[in-house]
Each structure stands twice: as structure tokens, then as C-alpha cells.
Protein backbone atom coordinates (compact mmCIF):
# COMPACT_ATOMS: atom_id res chain seq x y z
CA MET A 1 5.54 -16.28 -2.04
CA TYR A 2 5.55 -14.47 0.97
CA VAL A 3 4.60 -16.80 4.12
CA CYS A 4 4.58 -14.54 7.36
CA LEU A 5 2.89 -10.53 5.52
CA CYS A 6 4.29 -8.69 9.39
CA LYS A 7 7.61 -9.70 9.03
CA ALA A 8 8.08 -9.01 5.06
CA VAL A 9 10.16 -12.96 5.59
CA THR A 10 8.80 -15.66 2.02
CA GLU A 11 9.58 -18.96 1.79
CA ARG A 12 12.70 -18.61 0.26
CA ASP A 13 13.83 -17.16 4.48
CA VAL A 14 12.22 -20.24 5.41
CA ARG A 15 13.58 -23.02 3.68
CA ARG A 16 16.67 -21.13 4.28
CA ALA A 17 16.92 -21.07 8.19
CA ILE A 18 15.07 -25.07 7.56
CA ASP A 19 18.11 -26.43 5.67
CA GLU A 20 20.53 -23.98 8.09
CA GLY A 21 19.36 -26.40 11.25
CA LEU A 22 15.99 -24.72 11.82
CA ALA A 23 13.38 -27.30 13.39
CA SER A 24 11.18 -26.08 15.52
CA MET A 25 8.86 -22.84 15.75
CA ARG A 26 9.64 -21.43 18.66
CA GLU A 27 12.99 -21.36 16.60
CA LEU A 28 11.40 -19.90 13.15
CA ARG A 29 9.73 -17.33 15.88
CA ARG A 30 13.39 -16.52 17.89
CA GLU A 31 15.47 -16.27 13.94
CA LEU A 32 12.30 -14.59 11.60
CA GLY A 33 9.44 -13.43 13.91
CA VAL A 34 7.10 -15.23 12.29
CA CYS A 35 4.08 -16.35 14.22
CA SER A 36 4.48 -13.45 16.30
CA CYS A 37 2.12 -10.79 15.26
CA CYS A 38 -0.86 -12.80 13.95
CA GLY A 39 -0.42 -16.49 13.82
CA LYS A 40 -1.31 -16.44 9.86
CA CYS A 41 1.94 -17.38 8.93
CA GLY A 42 1.49 -20.66 11.22
CA PRO A 43 0.42 -23.41 9.43
CA ALA A 44 2.08 -22.62 6.46
CA ALA A 45 5.06 -22.34 8.24
CA ARG A 46 4.18 -25.56 10.05
CA ALA A 47 3.80 -27.19 7.24
CA MET A 48 7.16 -26.37 5.09
CA LEU A 49 9.17 -27.97 8.73
CA ALA A 50 6.79 -31.48 8.84
CA GLU A 51 8.11 -31.42 4.84
CA ALA A 52 11.71 -30.81 5.49
CA VAL A 53 11.95 -32.34 8.16
CA PRO A 54 11.48 -35.90 10.21
CA GLY A 55 9.42 -36.15 13.00
CA ASP A 56 11.64 -38.55 15.11
CA ARG A 57 14.41 -35.04 14.84
CA PRO A 58 14.63 -33.65 18.57
CA GLY A 59 13.81 -30.39 17.49
CA ALA A 60 10.65 -31.34 14.59
CA VAL A 61 7.44 -30.38 14.61
CA GLY A 62 5.20 -31.91 17.87
CA ARG A 63 8.17 -32.83 19.82
CA ALA A 64 10.05 -32.01 22.27
CA VAL A 65 12.90 -30.38 22.67
CA PRO A 66 15.84 -31.02 25.77
CA GLY A 67 15.94 -27.99 28.43
CA GLU A 68 13.03 -26.20 26.52
CA PRO A 69 9.40 -26.37 28.23
CA ALA A 70 7.09 -28.33 26.45
CA ALA A 71 4.47 -26.50 24.37
CA ALA A 72 0.62 -26.20 25.69
CA VAL A 73 -1.03 -27.71 22.99
């Protein structure tokens, strides 16, 4: 199923990227283009990250990545 119609990114693409070590929305946006157009794919991509990445791992959803500025909430 497509997660991002704007960039033609599928669930499989997102899962593969997470399996390869991507652990934040910033990384998914940089590598796959997720959430870089209309933003409607954000909730699905965040849910996939939250499911796959433990919250205490650096770079996880809602966690700071050393060397990168904190995102505004």
C-alpha cells in the first residue's frame, strides 16, 4: 500500500528504510521524500517508526539526534 502518493513511497519502502537503520522522520524525508510535499503521509510514516523504533534509541520519533537542531513542536 502507498504511504506517500506524492513521492510514490510504499509501506515496503518505509519498512526497508527502517530496517536499514533510518530512525527519524528527518531521515525518512531525506532518503525517501516522505512528508516533503503535502504532508498527509506523516501520520502513517510516524506510526511505522513508532512501531519499529524503540523510544529510547537516539533518533527515534520524538528524540533528539546528536548534532542536529531540535525540531519545533
